[in-house]
Amino acid sequence: MTRVVDWKLAERIALALAGEGPAWDGDEAELRTESDHAADLVRDYTGLRTRGDLPAAELIRRDEWARVSIESFRSLSADVEEVLSERLRRSGGGTVPQKIARAATGAEVGLAVGYLAQRVIGQYDVALIGPTRAPRLLFVGPNLSAARERLQVDRDLFMRWIALHETTHAVQFAAVPWLREHLGSTAEELFRGAAIEVKPGEILQQLVRVNPRELVRSFASGELARLLWSPEQRRLVDRLLATMTIVEGYAEHVMDAVGDRLDPGYAELRRRLDRDRERRGPLDTLVSKLLGLEMKMAQYRRGKLFCDEVANRAGIEALNRVWEGPDSLPAPEEIDDPGAWLERVGAQRRRRFFALFR
């Protein structure tokens, strides 16, 4: 199969850009202890019950994270690449333009991953598309060190904070078995549909002409065929983003709720983190926008506001209804209207209750 992306070039660029970074002064055993403790705190607060063991924390380098991410991108795009490469072959677009397109796209992917490899502190890595594989709980040592130095906060508190955030994701997926399949099937339907509906020759023309910034943003946010989406694909995108907004917002809510109980210094850490996000330099801000990271921050904010409001009104038990099934997830328009969501899921529960007596 002729690849649409030059993955070898992408990896070379990502590894070169990632660099080594400052060494972290701790070890993997410390991270595992913090993560295990965080998992207990998350389960106690949320009431979520995990199925099976959670992945053990791993301390990795930037280059290891870059390789994991390149492979994740490659897995996400495998089916799409197969369809697109066949259409490119049939379109007879020529070998040279195809090579240029592959190299350009590979370079953009490499730049995106290389930049993120310098920034990502921790990640719950789960395969959404393709064969099931064991999830991983990853912490990037150099970025732990750089972030703590930048924030100038207590080391132990910082460790608890990052362990809480990533471990909350691990608890979410382990306690909600349908979540991985829901996200994966939505993404798969989106990517496959985007590829199938493209007319022969259209992909090559788009890849050659497209503004490189659009390619960067598309790959960085997992939106492989962004420029070619139909109204149906855009509906799927809205659904996918709404789900991820709740996944991220729930983690932010839990992190704050548990953190406030855990240490009185947590509130100051949160303020410093928010200021750090706001006080990035102009170049950093520009690159973040190009990579779609501004959308990520918006996800955090909208999702957290929703989760905070629901929990404040009706408690964590009511908020946990988002995990009862895909139909219980907020629709895109309900994320900004928690009251409408509470009313809808309450009505669903009443209908199910009365149905038992019919």
Protein backbone atom coordinates (compact mmCIF):
# COMPACT_ATOMS: atom_id res chain seq x y z
CA MET A 1 0.00 0.00 0.00
CA THR A 2 1.25 3.49 -0.87
CA ARG A 3 1.19 5.58 2.27
CA VAL A 4 -0.52 8.96 2.37
CA VAL A 5 1.83 10.02 5.18
CA ASP A 6 5.60 9.58 5.26
CA TRP A 7 5.69 8.09 8.76
CA LYS A 8 9.46 7.61 8.84
CA LEU A 9 9.97 11.29 8.09
CA ALA A 10 7.38 12.17 10.72
CA GLU A 11 9.25 10.15 13.35
CA ARG A 12 12.65 11.62 12.45
CA ILE A 13 11.35 15.18 12.73
CA ALA A 14 9.46 14.47 15.95
CA LEU A 15 12.49 12.92 17.64
CA ALA A 16 14.79 15.72 16.52
CA LEU A 17 12.41 18.40 17.79
CA ALA A 18 11.54 16.65 21.06
CA GLY A 19 15.06 16.85 22.45
CA GLU A 20 16.04 15.49 25.85
CA GLY A 21 15.02 18.16 28.36
CA PRO A 22 15.90 18.38 32.07
CA ALA A 23 16.12 15.20 34.12
CA TRP A 24 13.40 14.39 36.66
CA ASP A 25 14.77 13.84 40.14
CA GLY A 26 12.37 11.01 41.03
CA ASP A 27 11.85 7.44 39.93
CA GLU A 28 9.10 5.21 38.59
CA ALA A 29 8.36 3.65 41.99
CA GLU A 30 7.44 7.08 43.37
CA LEU A 31 5.07 7.73 40.48
CA ARG A 32 3.40 4.36 40.97
CA THR A 33 2.86 5.03 44.66
CA GLU A 34 1.33 8.45 43.93
CA SER A 35 -0.86 7.06 41.15
CA ASP A 36 -2.13 4.15 43.27
CA HIS A 37 -3.00 6.59 46.07
CA ALA A 38 -4.69 8.93 43.57
CA ALA A 39 -6.80 6.06 42.21
CA ASP A 40 -8.09 5.31 45.72
CA LEU A 41 -8.96 9.00 46.25
CA VAL A 42 -10.76 9.21 42.91
CA ARG A 43 -12.77 6.06 43.59
CA ASP A 44 -13.69 7.28 47.07
CA TYR A 45 -14.93 10.65 45.81
CA THR A 46 -16.69 9.54 42.64
CA GLY A 47 -18.02 6.17 43.72
CA LEU A 48 -16.86 4.73 40.37
CA ARG A 49 -15.89 1.07 40.56
CA THR A 50 -13.13 -0.10 38.25
CA ARG A 51 -13.07 -3.46 36.53
CA GLY A 52 -9.66 -5.09 36.67
CA ASP A 53 -6.34 -3.53 37.56
CA LEU A 54 -5.33 -0.06 36.48
CA PRO A 55 -2.12 0.28 34.46
CA ALA A 56 1.02 0.92 36.48
CA ALA A 57 2.59 4.36 36.06
CA GLU A 58 5.56 4.50 33.68
CA LEU A 59 8.29 7.14 33.69
CA ILE A 60 9.39 7.75 30.10
CA ARG A 61 11.57 10.07 28.03
CA ARG A 62 10.39 12.57 25.43
CA ASP A 63 11.54 10.38 22.55
CA GLU A 64 9.55 7.44 23.96
CA TRP A 65 6.42 9.60 24.17
CA ALA A 66 6.99 10.80 20.60
CA ARG A 67 7.22 7.23 19.31
CA VAL A 68 4.05 6.22 21.18
CA SER A 69 2.20 9.20 19.68
CA ILE A 70 3.44 8.57 16.14
CA GLU A 71 2.23 4.99 16.42
CA SER A 72 -1.13 6.18 17.78
CA PHE A 73 -1.57 8.56 14.84
CA ARG A 74 -0.59 5.78 12.47
CA SER A 75 -3.12 3.37 13.99
CA LEU A 76 -5.88 5.98 13.92
CA SER A 77 -5.29 6.69 10.25
CA ALA A 78 -4.59 3.14 9.02
CA ASP A 79 -8.02 2.41 7.51
CA VAL A 80 -8.29 5.91 6.06
CA GLU A 81 -4.85 5.68 4.50
CA GLU A 82 -5.77 2.41 2.83
CA VAL A 83 -8.85 3.92 1.19
CA LEU A 84 -7.13 7.16 0.24
CA SER A 85 -4.04 5.50 -1.21
CA GLU A 86 -6.22 3.33 -3.44
CA ARG A 87 -8.12 6.38 -4.66
CA LEU A 88 -4.87 8.24 -5.29
CA ARG A 89 -3.58 5.28 -7.31
CA ARG A 90 -6.74 5.16 -9.42
CA SER A 91 -6.75 8.90 -9.96
CA GLY A 92 -3.36 8.71 -11.66
CA GLY A 93 -2.14 11.86 -9.91
CA GLY A 94 1.49 11.05 -10.63
CA THR A 95 4.31 9.73 -8.44
CA VAL A 96 6.09 13.04 -7.81
CA PRO A 97 3.03 14.97 -6.52
CA GLN A 98 2.13 12.00 -4.30
CA LYS A 99 5.63 11.94 -2.81
CA ILE A 100 5.47 15.67 -2.18
CA ALA A 101 2.11 15.29 -0.47
CA ARG A 102 3.34 12.39 1.68
CA ALA A 103 6.47 14.29 2.70
CA ALA A 104 4.55 17.47 3.48
CA THR A 105 2.00 15.65 5.60
CA GLY A 106 4.71 13.61 7.33
CA ALA A 107 6.61 16.78 8.15
CA GLU A 108 3.54 18.41 9.66
CA VAL A 109 2.81 15.36 11.80
CA GLY A 110 6.43 15.29 12.94
CA LEU A 111 6.37 18.97 13.88
CA ALA A 112 3.14 18.55 15.82
CA VAL A 113 4.33 15.50 17.77
CA GLY A 114 7.79 16.98 18.38
CA TYR A 115 6.33 20.14 19.84
CA LEU A 116 3.89 18.25 22.03
CA ALA A 117 6.70 15.96 23.22
CA GLN A 118 8.19 19.04 24.91
CA ARG A 119 4.92 19.91 26.66
CA VAL A 120 2.91 16.81 27.61
CA ILE A 121 3.43 15.95 31.29
CA GLY A 122 1.28 12.86 31.62
CA GLN A 123 -1.06 10.80 29.48
CA TYR A 124 -3.48 7.91 29.83
CA ASP A 125 -2.79 6.09 26.58
CA VAL A 126 -5.62 3.90 25.31
CA ALA A 127 -6.19 2.47 21.83
CA LEU A 128 -9.51 3.79 20.54
CA ILE A 129 -9.30 2.28 17.06
CA GLY A 130 -7.88 -1.03 15.96
CA PRO A 131 -6.90 -4.07 18.02
CA THR A 132 -7.37 -3.76 21.76
CA ARG A 133 -4.12 -3.35 23.66
CA ALA A 134 -3.32 -2.79 27.28
CA PRO A 135 -3.69 0.90 28.25
CA ARG A 136 -0.67 2.72 29.65
CA LEU A 137 -0.28 5.45 32.25
CA LEU A 138 2.63 7.58 31.06
CA PHE A 139 4.56 10.41 32.70
CA VAL A 140 7.22 12.29 30.74
CA GLY A 141 10.15 12.85 33.11
CA PRO A 142 11.76 15.93 31.50
CA ASN A 143 8.39 17.66 31.22
CA LEU A 144 7.58 16.92 34.86
CA SER A 145 10.81 18.68 35.77
CA ALA A 146 10.26 21.62 33.42
CA ALA A 147 6.67 22.17 34.55
CA ARG A 148 7.52 22.10 38.24
CA GLU A 149 10.36 24.56 37.70
CA ARG A 150 8.07 26.82 35.67
CA LEU A 151 5.28 26.73 38.25
CA GLN A 152 7.60 27.04 41.26
CA VAL A 153 5.42 24.86 43.50
CA ASP A 154 5.94 22.27 46.21
CA ARG A 155 7.24 19.05 44.68
CA ASP A 156 4.97 16.67 46.61
CA LEU A 157 1.88 18.72 45.85
CA PHE A 158 2.82 18.87 42.18
CA MET A 159 3.20 15.09 42.07
CA ARG A 160 -0.21 14.57 43.65
CA TRP A 161 -1.78 16.98 41.18
CA ILE A 162 -0.46 15.33 38.03
CA ALA A 163 -1.12 11.83 39.38
CA LEU A 164 -4.71 12.80 40.17
CA HIS A 165 -5.43 14.12 36.68
CA GLU A 166 -4.08 11.20 34.69
CA THR A 167 -5.30 8.55 37.12
CA THR A 168 -8.82 9.98 36.93
CA HIS A 169 -8.79 9.14 33.23
CA ALA A 170 -7.61 5.61 34.02
CA VAL A 171 -10.46 5.17 36.52
CA GLN A 172 -12.99 6.58 34.03
CA PHE A 173 -12.14 4.09 31.31
CA ALA A 174 -11.77 1.15 33.70
CA ALA A 175 -15.15 1.88 35.32
CA VAL A 176 -17.05 2.71 32.12
CA PRO A 177 -16.38 -0.18 29.70
CA TRP A 178 -18.50 1.26 26.89
CA LEU A 179 -16.55 4.56 26.77
CA ARG A 180 -13.60 3.30 24.72
CA GLU A 181 -15.89 1.59 22.21
CA HIS A 182 -18.14 4.66 21.94
CA LEU A 183 -15.24 7.01 21.25
CA GLY A 184 -13.53 4.55 18.93
CA SER A 185 -16.60 3.69 16.88
CA THR A 186 -17.49 7.37 16.46
CA ALA A 187 -13.95 8.23 15.34
CA GLU A 188 -13.81 5.20 13.04
CA GLU A 189 -17.14 6.09 11.43
CA LEU A 190 -15.94 9.65 10.98
CA PHE A 191 -12.63 8.74 9.36
CA ARG A 192 -13.98 5.95 7.18
CA GLY A 193 -16.88 8.04 5.94
CA ALA A 194 -14.62 10.97 5.18
CA ALA A 195 -12.41 8.75 3.07
CA ILE A 196 -15.17 6.91 1.23
CA GLU A 197 -17.05 10.04 0.20
CA VAL A 198 -14.06 11.72 -1.42
CA LYS A 199 -14.09 11.81 -5.22
CA PRO A 200 -11.13 10.30 -7.05
CA GLY A 201 -8.25 12.74 -7.30
CA GLU A 202 -9.68 15.14 -4.74
CA ILE A 203 -7.42 14.03 -1.89
CA LEU A 204 -4.18 14.64 -3.79
CA GLN A 205 -5.31 18.09 -4.85
CA GLN A 206 -6.23 18.96 -1.27
CA LEU A 207 -2.95 17.71 0.20
CA VAL A 208 -0.85 19.62 -2.32
CA ARG A 209 -2.77 22.89 -2.04
CA VAL A 210 -3.83 22.98 1.59
CA ASN A 211 -2.42 25.51 4.02
CA PRO A 212 0.12 23.59 6.15
CA ARG A 213 -1.43 25.03 9.31
CA GLU A 214 -4.65 23.21 8.53
CA LEU A 215 -2.77 19.94 8.18
CA VAL A 216 -1.04 20.46 11.51
CA ARG A 217 -4.30 21.21 13.26
CA SER A 218 -6.05 18.28 11.61
CA PHE A 219 -3.49 15.71 12.69
CA ALA A 220 -2.84 17.19 16.14
CA SER A 221 -6.51 16.97 17.06
CA GLY A 222 -7.07 13.59 15.39
CA GLU A 223 -9.18 15.12 12.63
CA LEU A 224 -7.51 13.42 9.69
CA ALA A 225 -9.96 14.38 6.96
CA ARG A 226 -11.11 17.70 8.38
CA LEU A 227 -11.06 19.57 5.08
CA LEU A 228 -13.20 16.98 3.32
CA TRP A 229 -15.98 16.44 5.84
CA SER A 230 -19.60 16.33 4.79
CA PRO A 231 -22.43 17.55 7.05
CA GLU A 232 -22.72 14.01 8.41
CA GLN A 233 -19.02 13.94 9.33
CA ARG A 234 -19.39 17.29 11.06
CA ARG A 235 -22.24 15.85 13.13
CA LEU A 236 -19.95 13.01 14.17
CA VAL A 237 -17.21 15.50 15.03
CA ASP A 238 -19.62 17.42 17.26
CA ARG A 239 -20.55 14.19 19.02
CA LEU A 240 -16.91 13.16 19.45
CA LEU A 241 -15.88 16.56 20.81
CA ALA A 242 -18.85 16.64 23.18
CA THR A 243 -17.82 13.28 24.63
CA MET A 244 -14.19 14.33 25.01
CA THR A 245 -15.28 17.61 26.60
CA ILE A 246 -17.08 15.64 29.32
CA VAL A 247 -14.18 13.19 29.74
CA GLU A 248 -11.76 16.10 30.24
CA GLY A 249 -14.14 18.24 32.26
CA TYR A 250 -14.97 15.38 34.61
CA ALA A 251 -11.25 14.83 35.26
CA GLU A 252 -10.77 18.54 35.97
CA HIS A 253 -13.74 18.57 38.36
CA VAL A 254 -12.56 15.48 40.24
CA MET A 255 -9.00 16.78 40.40
CA ASP A 256 -10.15 20.02 42.02
CA ALA A 257 -12.68 18.40 44.35
CA VAL A 258 -10.17 15.84 45.63
CA GLY A 259 -7.27 18.30 45.63
CA ASP A 260 -9.10 20.84 47.78
CA ARG A 261 -9.76 18.14 50.38
CA LEU A 262 -6.23 16.81 50.18
CA ASP A 263 -4.09 19.89 50.67
CA PRO A 264 -4.85 23.56 51.44
CA GLY A 265 -2.07 24.54 49.02
CA TYR A 266 -3.88 22.98 46.08
CA ALA A 267 -5.86 26.13 45.28
CA GLU A 268 -2.63 28.10 44.85
CA LEU A 269 -1.24 25.40 42.57
CA ARG A 270 -4.37 25.64 40.42
CA ARG A 271 -4.03 29.44 40.22
CA ARG A 272 -0.41 29.12 39.11
CA LEU A 273 -1.34 26.53 36.54
CA ASP A 274 -4.05 28.78 35.09
CA ARG A 275 -1.64 31.74 34.98
CA ASP A 276 0.93 29.55 33.27
CA ARG A 277 -1.58 28.73 30.56
CA GLU A 278 -2.37 32.42 30.09
CA ARG A 279 1.19 33.81 30.18
CA ARG A 280 2.69 31.85 27.34
CA GLY A 281 4.87 33.82 24.97
CA PRO A 282 3.59 34.89 21.53
CA LEU A 283 5.43 32.09 19.70
CA ASP A 284 4.16 29.46 22.12
CA THR A 285 0.63 30.83 21.82
CA LEU A 286 0.80 30.80 18.03
CA VAL A 287 2.06 27.22 17.87
CA SER A 288 -0.59 26.14 20.37
CA LYS A 289 -3.32 27.62 18.18
CA LEU A 290 -1.94 25.92 15.09
CA LEU A 291 -1.81 22.56 16.85
CA GLY A 292 -5.36 22.80 18.10
CA LEU A 293 -4.33 23.15 21.75
CA GLU A 294 -6.59 26.15 22.18
CA MET A 295 -9.50 23.85 21.45
CA LYS A 296 -8.14 21.51 24.14
CA MET A 297 -8.15 24.29 26.72
CA ALA A 298 -11.68 25.22 25.69
CA GLN A 299 -12.68 21.59 26.24
CA TYR A 300 -11.28 21.71 29.75
CA ARG A 301 -13.10 24.92 30.58
CA ARG A 302 -16.50 24.02 29.12
CA GLY A 303 -16.42 20.49 30.46
CA LYS A 304 -15.39 21.58 33.94
CA LEU A 305 -18.08 24.27 34.09
CA PHE A 306 -20.69 21.66 33.16
CA CYS A 307 -19.44 19.11 35.70
CA ASP A 308 -19.06 21.70 38.48
CA GLU A 309 -22.59 22.98 37.92
CA VAL A 310 -24.18 19.53 37.89
CA ALA A 311 -22.28 18.42 40.99
CA ASN A 312 -23.15 21.65 42.82
CA ARG A 313 -26.83 21.29 41.97
CA ALA A 314 -27.35 17.57 42.46
CA GLY A 315 -24.13 15.97 43.74
CA ILE A 316 -21.52 13.66 42.25
CA GLU A 317 -24.08 10.84 42.01
CA ALA A 318 -26.09 12.90 39.52
CA LEU A 319 -22.96 13.80 37.56
CA ASN A 320 -22.07 10.11 37.32
CA ARG A 321 -25.19 9.61 35.20
CA VAL A 322 -23.07 10.73 32.24
CA TRP A 323 -21.49 7.25 32.46
CA GLU A 324 -24.75 5.28 32.38
CA GLY A 325 -24.56 4.92 28.62
CA PRO A 326 -23.97 6.86 25.39
CA ASP A 327 -27.54 8.19 25.48
CA SER A 328 -26.84 9.77 28.87
CA LEU A 329 -23.92 11.85 27.60
CA PRO A 330 -24.74 15.54 27.13
CA ALA A 331 -25.58 16.57 23.60
CA PRO A 332 -23.27 19.33 22.27
CA GLU A 333 -25.87 22.02 23.06
CA GLU A 334 -26.45 20.66 26.59
CA ILE A 335 -22.83 21.19 27.67
CA ASP A 336 -23.61 24.88 28.07
CA ASP A 337 -27.01 24.14 29.63
CA PRO A 338 -26.51 21.66 32.51
CA GLY A 339 -30.09 22.19 33.68
CA ALA A 340 -31.46 20.88 30.38
CA TRP A 341 -29.27 17.80 30.66
CA LEU A 342 -30.35 17.12 34.26
CA GLU A 343 -33.98 17.41 33.19
CA ARG A 344 -33.49 15.05 30.26
CA VAL A 345 -31.64 12.30 32.16
CA GLY A 346 -34.12 12.62 35.02
CA ALA A 347 -36.96 12.04 32.58
CA GLN A 348 -35.10 9.04 31.13
CA ARG A 349 -34.81 7.50 34.58
CA ARG A 350 -38.49 8.06 35.32
CA ARG A 351 -39.50 6.41 32.05
CA ARG A 352 -37.31 3.40 32.77
CA PHE A 353 -38.73 3.13 36.30
CA PHE A 354 -42.37 3.21 35.18
CA ALA A 355 -41.62 0.80 32.35
CA LEU A 356 -40.78 -1.85 34.98
CA PHE A 357 -44.43 -1.87 36.14
CA ARG A 358 -46.11 -2.06 32.78
